[in-house]
Amino acid sequence: MQAMKFFVDTHDTKNDTFPAWITPEQFEDFFAQYTAVCAEENVVILRVHVAYEDGKAFCFTMAPDADSVRRAHERVSLPFDGISEVQTATPGDTFFRKRAA
């Protein structure tokens, strides 16, 4: 299996990267298509947060690289504001890790 990294991509109606007209039902249909394309591009969707009233979406994925995430978006004609590689920062990751002496 290829090494995977974490990514967050963002969408906002103010930037025309999230459709202002979309309903939860329409998003569900779109998401099914996006999920299939992500699988073909080796992108694993971990979580998507959608703020319908604010017109925003935040996608948390794992992929080999940002280009894989970009291709998945392009294939379903979904623009994005940005794709950022991120690391987790939970209490376990941040506060309880072993530090060099």
PDB file of N, CA and C in Angstrom:
ATOM      1  N   MET A   1       0.839  -1.183   0.000  1.00  0.00           N
ATOM      2  CA  MET A   1       0.000   0.000   0.000  1.00  0.00           C
ATOM      3  C   MET A   1       0.883   1.245   0.000  1.00  0.00           C
ATOM      4  N   GLN A   2       0.465   2.221  -0.747  1.00  0.00           N
ATOM      5  CA  GLN A   2       1.195   3.472  -0.856  1.00  0.00           C
ATOM      6  C   GLN A   2       1.064   4.298   0.427  1.00  0.00           C
ATOM      7  N   ALA A   3       2.120   5.009   0.795  1.00  0.00           N
ATOM      8  CA  ALA A   3       2.063   5.877   1.975  1.00  0.00           C
ATOM      9  C   ALA A   3       1.015   6.964   1.753  1.00  0.00           C
ATOM     10  N   MET A   4       0.253   7.236   2.789  1.00  0.00           N
ATOM     11  CA  MET A   4      -0.822   8.220   2.689  1.00  0.00           C
ATOM     12  C   MET A   4      -0.533   9.401   3.607  1.00  0.00           C
ATOM     13  N   LYS A   5      -1.018  10.559   3.196  1.00  0.00           N
ATOM     14  CA  LYS A   5      -0.890  11.788   3.976  1.00  0.00           C
ATOM     15  C   LYS A   5      -2.292  12.345   4.203  1.00  0.00           C
ATOM     16  N   PHE A   6      -2.434  13.214   5.199  1.00  0.00           N
ATOM     17  CA  PHE A   6      -3.719  13.863   5.470  1.00  0.00           C
ATOM     18  C   PHE A   6      -3.809  15.186   4.710  1.00  0.00           C
ATOM     19  N   PHE A   7      -5.025  15.485   4.215  1.00  0.00           N
ATOM     20  CA  PHE A   7      -5.272  16.741   3.511  1.00  0.00           C
ATOM     21  C   PHE A   7      -6.603  17.326   3.949  1.00  0.00           C
ATOM     22  N   VAL A   8      -6.675  18.653   3.949  1.00  0.00           N
ATOM     23  CA  VAL A   8      -7.930  19.374   4.146  1.00  0.00           C
ATOM     24  C   VAL A   8      -8.109  20.271   2.934  1.00  0.00           C
ATOM     25  N   ASP A   9      -9.296  20.203   2.334  1.00  0.00           N
ATOM     26  CA  ASP A   9      -9.610  21.152   1.270  1.00  0.00           C
ATOM     27  C   ASP A   9     -10.872  21.904   1.654  1.00  0.00           C
ATOM     28  N   THR A  10     -10.958  23.129   1.155  1.00  0.00           N
ATOM     29  CA  THR A  10     -12.040  24.014   1.565  1.00  0.00           C
ATOM     30  C   THR A  10     -12.828  24.519   0.364  1.00  0.00           C
ATOM     31  N   HIS A  11     -14.098  24.814   0.629  1.00  0.00           N
ATOM     32  CA  HIS A  11     -15.023  25.310  -0.396  1.00  0.00           C
ATOM     33  C   HIS A  11     -15.884  26.397   0.234  1.00  0.00           C
ATOM     34  N   ASP A  12     -16.192  27.452  -0.540  1.00  0.00           N
ATOM     35  CA  ASP A  12     -16.956  28.578  -0.002  1.00  0.00           C
ATOM     36  C   ASP A  12     -17.756  29.232  -1.126  1.00  0.00           C
ATOM     37  N   THR A  13     -19.041  29.466  -0.890  1.00  0.00           N
ATOM     38  CA  THR A  13     -19.874  30.114  -1.914  1.00  0.00           C
ATOM     39  C   THR A  13     -19.340  31.503  -2.260  1.00  0.00           C
ATOM     40  N   LYS A  14     -18.710  32.180  -1.323  1.00  0.00           N
ATOM     41  CA  LYS A  14     -18.170  33.522  -1.593  1.00  0.00           C
ATOM     42  C   LYS A  14     -17.095  33.496  -2.668  1.00  0.00           C
ATOM     43  N   ASN A  15     -16.455  32.350  -2.838  1.00  0.00           N
ATOM     44  CA  ASN A  15     -15.401  32.188  -3.843  1.00  0.00           C
ATOM     45  C   ASN A  15     -15.859  31.334  -5.018  1.00  0.00           C
ATOM     46  N   ASP A  16     -17.152  31.048  -5.071  1.00  0.00           N
ATOM     47  CA  ASP A  16     -17.729  30.190  -6.119  1.00  0.00           C
ATOM     48  C   ASP A  16     -17.118  28.794  -6.132  1.00  0.00           C
ATOM     49  N   THR A  17     -16.755  28.296  -4.952  1.00  0.00           N
ATOM     50  CA  THR A  17     -16.208  26.941  -4.862  1.00  0.00           C
ATOM     51  C   THR A  17     -17.145  25.992  -4.120  1.00  0.00           C
ATOM     52  N   PHE A  18     -18.322  26.491  -3.757  1.00  0.00           N
ATOM     53  CA  PHE A  18     -19.369  25.656  -3.157  1.00  0.00           C
ATOM     54  C   PHE A  18     -20.692  26.165  -3.702  1.00  0.00           C
ATOM     55  N   PRO A  19     -21.530  25.272  -4.239  1.00  0.00           N
ATOM     56  CA  PRO A  19     -22.781  25.720  -4.861  1.00  0.00           C
ATOM     57  C   PRO A  19     -23.791  26.235  -3.834  1.00  0.00           C
ATOM     58  N   ALA A  20     -24.179  27.487  -3.978  1.00  0.00           N
ATOM     59  CA  ALA A  20     -25.116  28.116  -3.039  1.00  0.00           C
ATOM     60  C   ALA A  20     -26.485  27.447  -3.062  1.00  0.00           C
ATOM     61  N   TRP A  21     -26.840  26.835  -4.165  1.00  0.00           N
ATOM     62  CA  TRP A  21     -28.175  26.262  -4.347  1.00  0.00           C
ATOM     63  C   TRP A  21     -28.313  24.853  -3.781  1.00  0.00           C
ATOM     64  N   ILE A  22     -27.234  24.221  -3.383  1.00  0.00           N
ATOM     65  CA  ILE A  22     -27.289  22.787  -3.060  1.00  0.00           C
ATOM     66  C   ILE A  22     -28.044  22.528  -1.754  1.00  0.00           C
ATOM     67  N   THR A  23     -28.878  21.506  -1.798  1.00  0.00           N
ATOM     68  CA  THR A  23     -29.618  21.064  -0.612  1.00  0.00           C
ATOM     69  C   THR A  23     -28.920  19.828  -0.046  1.00  0.00           C
ATOM     70  N   PRO A  24     -29.240  19.444   1.177  1.00  0.00           N
ATOM     71  CA  PRO A  24     -28.651  18.209   1.714  1.00  0.00           C
ATOM     72  C   PRO A  24     -28.936  16.996   0.819  1.00  0.00           C
ATOM     73  N   GLU A  25     -30.114  16.923   0.230  1.00  0.00           N
ATOM     74  CA  GLU A  25     -30.450  15.798  -0.646  1.00  0.00           C
ATOM     75  C   GLU A  25     -29.595  15.822  -1.911  1.00  0.00           C
ATOM     76  N   GLN A  26     -29.409  17.000  -2.494  1.00  0.00           N
ATOM     77  CA  GLN A  26     -28.570  17.115  -3.683  1.00  0.00           C
ATOM     78  C   GLN A  26     -27.115  16.815  -3.346  1.00  0.00           C
ATOM     79  N   PHE A  27     -26.683  17.249  -2.182  1.00  0.00           N
ATOM     80  CA  PHE A  27     -25.314  16.960  -1.761  1.00  0.00           C
ATOM     81  C   PHE A  27     -25.110  15.456  -1.618  1.00  0.00           C
ATOM     82  N   GLU A  28     -26.107  14.772  -1.101  1.00  0.00           N
ATOM     83  CA  GLU A  28     -26.012  13.315  -0.949  1.00  0.00           C
ATOM     84  C   GLU A  28     -25.791  12.645  -2.301  1.00  0.00           C
ATOM     85  N   ASP A  29     -26.527  13.068  -3.327  1.00  0.00           N
ATOM     86  CA  ASP A  29     -26.347  12.506  -4.672  1.00  0.00           C
ATOM     87  C   ASP A  29     -24.954  12.823  -5.213  1.00  0.00           C
ATOM     88  N   PHE A  30     -24.540  14.077  -5.073  1.00  0.00           N
ATOM     89  CA  PHE A  30     -23.217  14.478  -5.533  1.00  0.00           C
ATOM     90  C   PHE A  30     -22.130  13.692  -4.798  1.00  0.00           C
ATOM     91  N   PHE A  31     -22.287  13.538  -3.488  1.00  0.00           N
ATOM     92  CA  PHE A  31     -21.282  12.878  -2.667  1.00  0.00           C
ATOM     93  C   PHE A  31     -21.074  11.426  -3.094  1.00  0.00           C
ATOM     94  N   ALA A  32     -22.125  10.761  -3.535  1.00  0.00           N
ATOM     95  CA  ALA A  32     -21.989   9.384  -4.024  1.00  0.00           C
ATOM     96  C   ALA A  32     -21.063   9.343  -5.243  1.00  0.00           C
ATOM     97  N   GLN A  33     -21.210  10.299  -6.146  1.00  0.00           N
ATOM     98  CA  GLN A  33     -20.334  10.369  -7.323  1.00  0.00           C
ATOM     99  C   GLN A  33     -18.894  10.685  -6.907  1.00  0.00           C
ATOM    100  N   TYR A  34     -18.763  11.637  -6.013  1.00  0.00           N
ATOM    101  CA  TYR A  34     -17.438  12.045  -5.549  1.00  0.00           C
ATOM    102  C   TYR A  34     -16.725  10.886  -4.851  1.00  0.00           C
ATOM    103  N   THR A  35     -17.448  10.119  -4.052  1.00  0.00           N
ATOM    104  CA  THR A  35     -16.868   8.975  -3.347  1.00  0.00           C
ATOM    105  C   THR A  35     -16.298   7.958  -4.330  1.00  0.00           C
ATOM    106  N   ALA A  36     -17.040   7.676  -5.397  1.00  0.00           N
ATOM    107  CA  ALA A  36     -16.575   6.716  -6.400  1.00  0.00           C
ATOM    108  C   ALA A  36     -15.302   7.215  -7.085  1.00  0.00           C
ATOM    109  N   VAL A  37     -15.273   8.478  -7.444  1.00  0.00           N
ATOM    110  CA  VAL A  37     -14.097   9.054  -8.098  1.00  0.00           C
ATOM    111  C   VAL A  37     -12.904   9.056  -7.142  1.00  0.00           C
ATOM    112  N   CYS A  38     -13.130   9.387  -5.892  1.00  0.00           N
ATOM    113  CA  CYS A  38     -12.042   9.373  -4.909  1.00  0.00           C
ATOM    114  C   CYS A  38     -11.407   7.991  -4.814  1.00  0.00           C
ATOM    115  N   ALA A  39     -12.216   6.954  -4.815  1.00  0.00           N
ATOM    116  CA  ALA A  39     -11.682   5.590  -4.749  1.00  0.00           C
ATOM    117  C   ALA A  39     -10.773   5.313  -5.945  1.00  0.00           C
ATOM    118  N   GLU A  40     -11.163   5.782  -7.120  1.00  0.00           N
ATOM    119  CA  GLU A  40     -10.341   5.582  -8.321  1.00  0.00           C
ATOM    120  C   GLU A  40      -9.032   6.365  -8.259  1.00  0.00           C
ATOM    121  N   GLU A  41      -9.026   7.473  -7.543  1.00  0.00           N
ATOM    122  CA  GLU A  41      -7.826   8.316  -7.434  1.00  0.00           C
ATOM    123  C   GLU A  41      -7.015   8.022  -6.166  1.00  0.00           C
ATOM    124  N   ASN A  42      -7.366   6.959  -5.447  1.00  0.00           N
ATOM    125  CA  ASN A  42      -6.686   6.585  -4.199  1.00  0.00           C
ATOM    126  C   ASN A  42      -6.813   7.653  -3.117  1.00  0.00           C
ATOM    127  N   VAL A  43      -7.969   8.312  -3.080  1.00  0.00           N
ATOM    128  CA  VAL A  43      -8.275   9.303  -2.051  1.00  0.00           C
ATOM    129  C   VAL A  43      -9.291   8.679  -1.104  1.00  0.00           C
ATOM    130  N   VAL A  44      -8.994   8.700   0.180  1.00  0.00           N
ATOM    131  CA  VAL A  44      -9.891   8.159   1.199  1.00  0.00           C
ATOM    132  C   VAL A  44     -10.562   9.333   1.909  1.00  0.00           C
ATOM    133  N   ILE A  45     -11.877   9.405   1.812  1.00  0.00           N
ATOM    134  CA  ILE A  45     -12.617  10.468   2.488  1.00  0.00           C
ATOM    135  C   ILE A  45     -12.777  10.067   3.948  1.00  0.00           C
ATOM    136  N   LEU A  46     -12.232  10.861   4.839  1.00  0.00           N
ATOM    137  CA  LEU A  46     -12.341  10.581   6.268  1.00  0.00           C
ATOM    138  C   LEU A  46     -13.537  11.292   6.886  1.00  0.00           C
ATOM    139  N   ARG A  47     -13.770  12.530   6.450  1.00  0.00           N
ATOM    140  CA  ARG A  47     -14.865  13.306   7.027  1.00  0.00           C
ATOM    141  C   ARG A  47     -15.094  14.530   6.154  1.00  0.00           C
ATOM    142  N   VAL A  48     -16.352  14.923   6.030  1.00  0.00           N
ATOM    143  CA  VAL A  48     -16.710  16.168   5.350  1.00  0.00           C
ATOM    144  C   VAL A  48     -17.643  16.937   6.273  1.00  0.00           C
ATOM    145  N   HIS A  49     -17.302  18.177   6.527  1.00  0.00           N
ATOM    146  CA  HIS A  49     -18.161  19.057   7.325  1.00  0.00           C
ATOM    147  C   HIS A  49     -18.780  20.066   6.371  1.00  0.00           C
ATOM    148  N   VAL A  50     -20.111  20.154   6.379  1.00  0.00           N
ATOM    149  CA  VAL A  50     -20.820  21.066   5.489  1.00  0.00           C
ATOM    150  C   VAL A  50     -21.634  22.041   6.326  1.00  0.00           C
ATOM    151  N   ALA A  51     -21.493  23.323   6.027  1.00  0.00           N
ATOM    152  CA  ALA A  51     -22.297  24.374   6.657  1.00  0.00           C
ATOM    153  C   ALA A  51     -23.190  24.948   5.556  1.00  0.00           C
ATOM    154  N   TYR A  52     -24.352  24.328   5.357  1.00  0.00           N
ATOM    155  CA  TYR A  52     -25.234  24.737   4.259  1.00  0.00           C
ATOM    156  C   TYR A  52     -25.617  26.205   4.360  1.00  0.00           C
ATOM    157  N   GLU A  53     -25.977  26.665   5.540  1.00  0.00           N
ATOM    158  CA  GLU A  53     -26.416  28.060   5.694  1.00  0.00           C
ATOM    159  C   GLU A  53     -25.283  29.056   5.440  1.00  0.00           C
ATOM    160  N   ASP A  54     -24.063  28.673   5.763  1.00  0.00           N
ATOM    161  CA  ASP A  54     -22.909  29.544   5.523  1.00  0.00           C
ATOM    162  C   ASP A  54     -22.306  29.334   4.137  1.00  0.00           C
ATOM    163  N   GLY A  55     -22.730  28.261   3.448  1.00  0.00           N
ATOM    164  CA  GLY A  55     -22.205  27.979   2.117  1.00  0.00           C
ATOM    165  C   GLY A  55     -20.755  27.554   2.119  1.00  0.00           C
ATOM    166  N   LYS A  56     -20.409  26.677   3.066  1.00  0.00           N
ATOM    167  CA  LYS A  56     -19.022  26.231   3.178  1.00  0.00           C
ATOM    168  C   LYS A  56     -18.945  24.723   3.363  1.00  0.00           C
ATOM    169  N   ALA A  57     -17.825  24.158   2.927  1.00  0.00           N
ATOM    170  CA  ALA A  57     -17.549  22.744   3.165  1.00  0.00           C
ATOM    171  C   ALA A  57     -16.057  22.582   3.439  1.00  0.00           C
ATOM    172  N   PHE A  58     -15.752  21.634   4.310  1.00  0.00           N
ATOM    173  CA  PHE A  58     -14.386  21.326   4.706  1.00  0.00           C
ATOM    174  C   PHE A  58     -14.223  19.813   4.598  1.00  0.00           C
ATOM    175  N   CYS A  59     -13.304  19.372   3.759  1.00  0.00           N
ATOM    176  CA  CYS A  59     -13.122  17.942   3.508  1.00  0.00           C
ATOM    177  C   CYS A  59     -11.788  17.483   4.098  1.00  0.00           C
ATOM    178  N   PHE A  60     -11.832  16.401   4.849  1.00  0.00           N
ATOM    179  CA  PHE A  60     -10.645  15.814   5.467  1.00  0.00           C
ATOM    180  C   PHE A  60     -10.422  14.468   4.803  1.00  0.00           C
ATOM    181  N   THR A  61      -9.291  14.321   4.109  1.00  0.00           N
ATOM    182  CA  THR A  61      -9.025  13.115   3.338  1.00  0.00           C
ATOM    183  C   THR A  61      -7.613  12.601   3.595  1.00  0.00           C
ATOM    184  N   MET A  62      -7.387  11.366   3.132  1.00  0.00           N
ATOM    185  CA  MET A  62      -6.041  10.798   3.060  1.00  0.00           C
ATOM    186  C   MET A  62      -5.784  10.487   1.597  1.00  0.00           C
ATOM    187  N   ALA A  63      -4.565  10.757   1.158  1.00  0.00           N
ATOM    188  CA  ALA A  63      -4.199  10.495  -0.230  1.00  0.00           C
ATOM    189  C   ALA A  63      -2.682  10.418  -0.327  1.00  0.00           C
ATOM    190  N   PRO A  64      -2.181   9.853  -1.424  1.00  0.00           N
ATOM    191  CA  PRO A  64      -0.730   9.809  -1.595  1.00  0.00           C
ATOM    192  C   PRO A  64      -0.119  11.207  -1.735  1.00  0.00           C
ATOM    193  N   ASP A  65      -0.880  12.137  -2.352  1.00  0.00           N
ATOM    194  CA  ASP A  65      -0.376  13.490  -2.577  1.00  0.00           C
ATOM    195  C   ASP A  65      -1.542  14.423  -2.882  1.00  0.00           C
ATOM    196  N   ALA A  66      -1.261  15.720  -2.873  1.00  0.00           N
ATOM    197  CA  ALA A  66      -2.301  16.720  -3.133  1.00  0.00           C
ATOM    198  C   ALA A  66      -2.844  16.613  -4.554  1.00  0.00           C
ATOM    199  N   ASP A  67      -2.020  16.172  -5.498  1.00  0.00           N
ATOM    200  CA  ASP A  67      -2.493  16.033  -6.879  1.00  0.00           C
ATOM    201  C   ASP A  67      -3.620  15.015  -6.990  1.00  0.00           C
ATOM    202  N   SER A  68      -3.576  13.963  -6.189  1.00  0.00           N
ATOM    203  CA  SER A  68      -4.662  12.974  -6.202  1.00  0.00           C
ATOM    204  C   SER A  68      -5.972  13.619  -5.761  1.00  0.00           C
ATOM    205  N   VAL A  69      -5.910  14.444  -4.731  1.00  0.00           N
ATOM    206  CA  VAL A  69      -7.100  15.147  -4.245  1.00  0.00           C
ATOM    207  C   VAL A  69      -7.590  16.125  -5.312  1.00  0.00           C
ATOM    208  N   ARG A  70      -6.668  16.852  -5.928  1.00  0.00           N
ATOM    209  CA  ARG A  70      -7.019  17.805  -6.983  1.00  0.00           C
ATOM    210  C   ARG A  70      -7.702  17.108  -8.157  1.00  0.00           C
ATOM    211  N   ARG A  71      -7.154  15.970  -8.593  1.00  0.00           N
ATOM    212  CA  ARG A  71      -7.750  15.229  -9.716  1.00  0.00           C
ATOM    213  C   ARG A  71      -9.165  14.770  -9.396  1.00  0.00           C
ATOM    214  N   ALA A  72      -9.379  14.291  -8.180  1.00  0.00           N
ATOM    215  CA  ALA A  72     -10.726  13.851  -7.795  1.00  0.00           C
ATOM    216  C   ALA A  72     -11.707  15.012  -7.901  1.00  0.00           C
ATOM    217  N   HIS A  73     -11.299  16.179  -7.438  1.00  0.00           N
ATOM    218  CA  HIS A  73     -12.166  17.360  -7.535  1.00  0.00           C
ATOM    219  C   HIS A  73     -12.437  17.724  -8.995  1.00  0.00           C
ATOM    220  N   GLU A  74     -11.396  17.732  -9.801  1.00  0.00           N
ATOM    221  CA  GLU A  74     -11.556  18.098 -11.209  1.00  0.00           C
ATOM    222  C   GLU A  74     -12.494  17.145 -11.932  1.00  0.00           C
ATOM    223  N   ARG A  75     -12.409  15.870 -11.616  1.00  0.00           N
ATOM    224  CA  ARG A  75     -13.228  14.872 -12.311  1.00  0.00           C
ATOM    225  C   ARG A  75     -14.714  15.016 -12.033  1.00  0.00           C
ATOM    226  N   VAL A  76     -15.079  15.639 -10.918  1.00  0.00           N
ATOM    227  CA  VAL A  76     -16.503  15.872 -10.624  1.00  0.00           C
ATOM    228  C   VAL A  76     -16.843  17.362 -10.746  1.00  0.00           C
ATOM    229  N   SER A  77     -15.949  18.121 -11.373  1.00  0.00           N
ATOM    230  CA  SER A  77     -16.147  19.566 -11.609  1.00  0.00           C
ATOM    231  C   SER A  77     -16.421  20.326 -10.318  1.00  0.00           C
ATOM    232  N   LEU A  78     -15.660  20.005  -9.282  1.00  0.00           N
ATOM    233  CA  LEU A  78     -15.807  20.673  -7.992  1.00  0.00           C
ATOM    234  C   LEU A  78     -14.583  21.554  -7.734  1.00  0.00           C
ATOM    235  N   PRO A  79     -14.731  22.875  -7.867  1.00  0.00           N
ATOM    236  CA  PRO A  79     -13.601  23.749  -7.561  1.00  0.00           C
ATOM    237  C   PRO A  79     -13.337  23.780  -6.059  1.00  0.00           C
ATOM    238  N   PHE A  80     -12.177  24.262  -5.678  1.00  0.00           N
ATOM    239  CA  PHE A  80     -11.818  24.340  -4.259  1.00  0.00           C
ATOM    240  C   PHE A  80     -11.033  25.621  -4.031  1.00  0.00           C
ATOM    241  N   ASP A  81     -11.030  26.072  -2.787  1.00  0.00           N
ATOM    242  CA  ASP A  81     -10.241  27.252  -2.423  1.00  0.00           C
ATOM    243  C   ASP A  81      -8.778  26.884  -2.238  1.00  0.00           C
ATOM    244  N   GLY A  82      -8.540  25.732  -1.658  1.00  0.00           N
ATOM    245  CA  GLY A  82      -7.182  25.290  -1.419  1.00  0.00           C
ATOM    246  C   GLY A  82      -7.163  23.869  -0.906  1.00  0.00           C
ATOM    247  N   ILE A  83      -6.032  23.224  -1.099  1.00  0.00           N
ATOM    248  CA  ILE A  83      -5.787  21.884  -0.567  1.00  0.00           C
ATOM    249  C   ILE A  83      -4.506  21.985   0.251  1.00  0.00           C
ATOM    250  N   SER A  84      -4.581  21.621   1.517  1.00  0.00           N
ATOM    251  CA  SER A  84      -3.419  21.718   2.402  1.00  0.00           C
ATOM    252  C   SER A  84      -3.103  20.366   3.016  1.00  0.00           C
ATOM    253  N   GLU A  85      -1.832  19.997   2.976  1.00  0.00           N
ATOM    254  CA  GLU A  85      -1.407  18.816   3.720  1.00  0.00           C
ATOM    255  C   GLU A  85      -1.364  19.203   5.192  1.00  0.00           C
ATOM    256  N   VAL A  86      -1.918  18.354   6.045  1.00  0.00           N
ATOM    257  CA  VAL A  86      -1.991  18.647   7.476  1.00  0.00           C
ATOM    258  C   VAL A  86      -1.510  17.444   8.284  1.00  0.00           C
ATOM    259  N   GLN A  87      -1.168  17.699   9.537  1.00  0.00           N
ATOM    260  CA  GLN A  87      -0.858  16.642  10.495  1.00  0.00           C
ATOM    261  C   GLN A  87      -1.878  16.739  11.622  1.00  0.00           C
ATOM    262  N   THR A  88      -2.130  15.609  12.262  1.00  0.00           N
ATOM    263  CA  THR A  88      -3.058  15.640  13.387  1.00  0.00           C
ATOM    264  C   THR A  88      -2.369  16.274  14.591  1.00  0.00           C
ATOM    265  N   ALA A  89      -3.166  16.895  15.435  1.00  0.00           N
ATOM    266  CA  ALA A  89      -2.644  17.532  16.645  1.00  0.00           C
ATOM    267  C   ALA A  89      -3.598  17.246  17.797  1.00  0.00           C
ATOM    268  N   THR A  90      -3.745  15.975  18.107  1.00  0.00           N
ATOM    269  CA  THR A  90      -4.570  15.573  19.240  1.00  0.00           C
ATOM    270  C   THR A  90      -3.718  15.636  20.506  1.00  0.00           C
ATOM    271  N   PRO A  91      -4.332  15.548  21.678  1.00  0.00           N
ATOM    272  CA  PRO A  91      -3.512  15.512  22.894  1.00  0.00           C
ATOM    273  C   PRO A  91      -2.457  14.405  22.842  1.00  0.00           C
ATOM    274  N   GLY A  92      -2.826  13.262  22.288  1.00  0.00           N
ATOM    275  CA  GLY A  92      -1.859  12.173  22.194  1.00  0.00           C
ATOM    276  C   GLY A  92      -0.702  12.499  21.275  1.00  0.00           C
ATOM    277  N   ASP A  93      -1.002  13.143  20.140  1.00  0.00           N
ATOM    278  CA  ASP A  93       0.049  13.517  19.190  1.00  0.00           C
ATOM    279  C   ASP A  93       0.941  14.619  19.741  1.00  0.00           C
ATOM    280  N   THR A  94       0.340  15.570  20.407  1.00  0.00           N
ATOM    281  CA  THR A  94       1.033  16.794  20.792  1.00  0.00           C
ATOM    282  C   THR A  94       1.641  16.749  22.181  1.00  0.00           C
ATOM    283  N   PHE A  95       0.864  16.295  23.154  1.00  0.00           N
ATOM    284  CA  PHE A  95       1.285  16.437  24.544  1.00  0.00           C
ATOM    285  C   PHE A  95       1.929  15.195  25.145  1.00  0.00           C
ATOM    286  N   PHE A  96       1.648  14.034  24.584  1.00  0.00           N
ATOM    287  CA  PHE A  96       2.138  12.809  25.204  1.00  0.00           C
ATOM    288  C   PHE A  96       3.206  12.098  24.391  1.00  0.00           C
ATOM    289  N   ARG A  97       3.700  12.731  23.357  1.00  0.00           N
ATOM    290  CA  ARG A  97       4.741  12.085  22.551  1.00  0.00           C
ATOM    291  C   ARG A  97       6.059  12.114  23.313  1.00  0.00           C
ATOM    292  N   LYS A  98       6.879  11.156  22.990  1.00  0.00           N
ATOM    293  CA  LYS A  98       8.194  11.109  23.633  1.00  0.00           C
ATOM    294  C   LYS A  98       9.061  12.203  23.029  1.00  0.00           C
ATOM    295  N   ARG A  99       9.704  12.927  23.878  1.00  0.00           N
ATOM    296  CA  ARG A  99      10.582  14.008  23.425  1.00  0.00           C
ATOM    297  C   ARG A  99      12.038  13.572  23.585  1.00  0.00           C
ATOM    298  N   ALA A 100      12.861  14.077  22.689  1.00  0.00           N
ATOM    299  CA  ALA A 100      14.290  13.763  22.767  1.00  0.00           C
ATOM    300  C   ALA A 100      14.865  14.345  24.056  1.00  0.00           C
ATOM    301  N   ALA A 101      15.728  13.575  24.679  1.00  0.00           N
ATOM    302  CA  ALA A 101      16.333  14.030  25.947  1.00  0.00           C
ATOM    303  C   ALA A 101      17.453  14.999  25.712  1.00  0.00           C
TER     304      ALA A 101
END
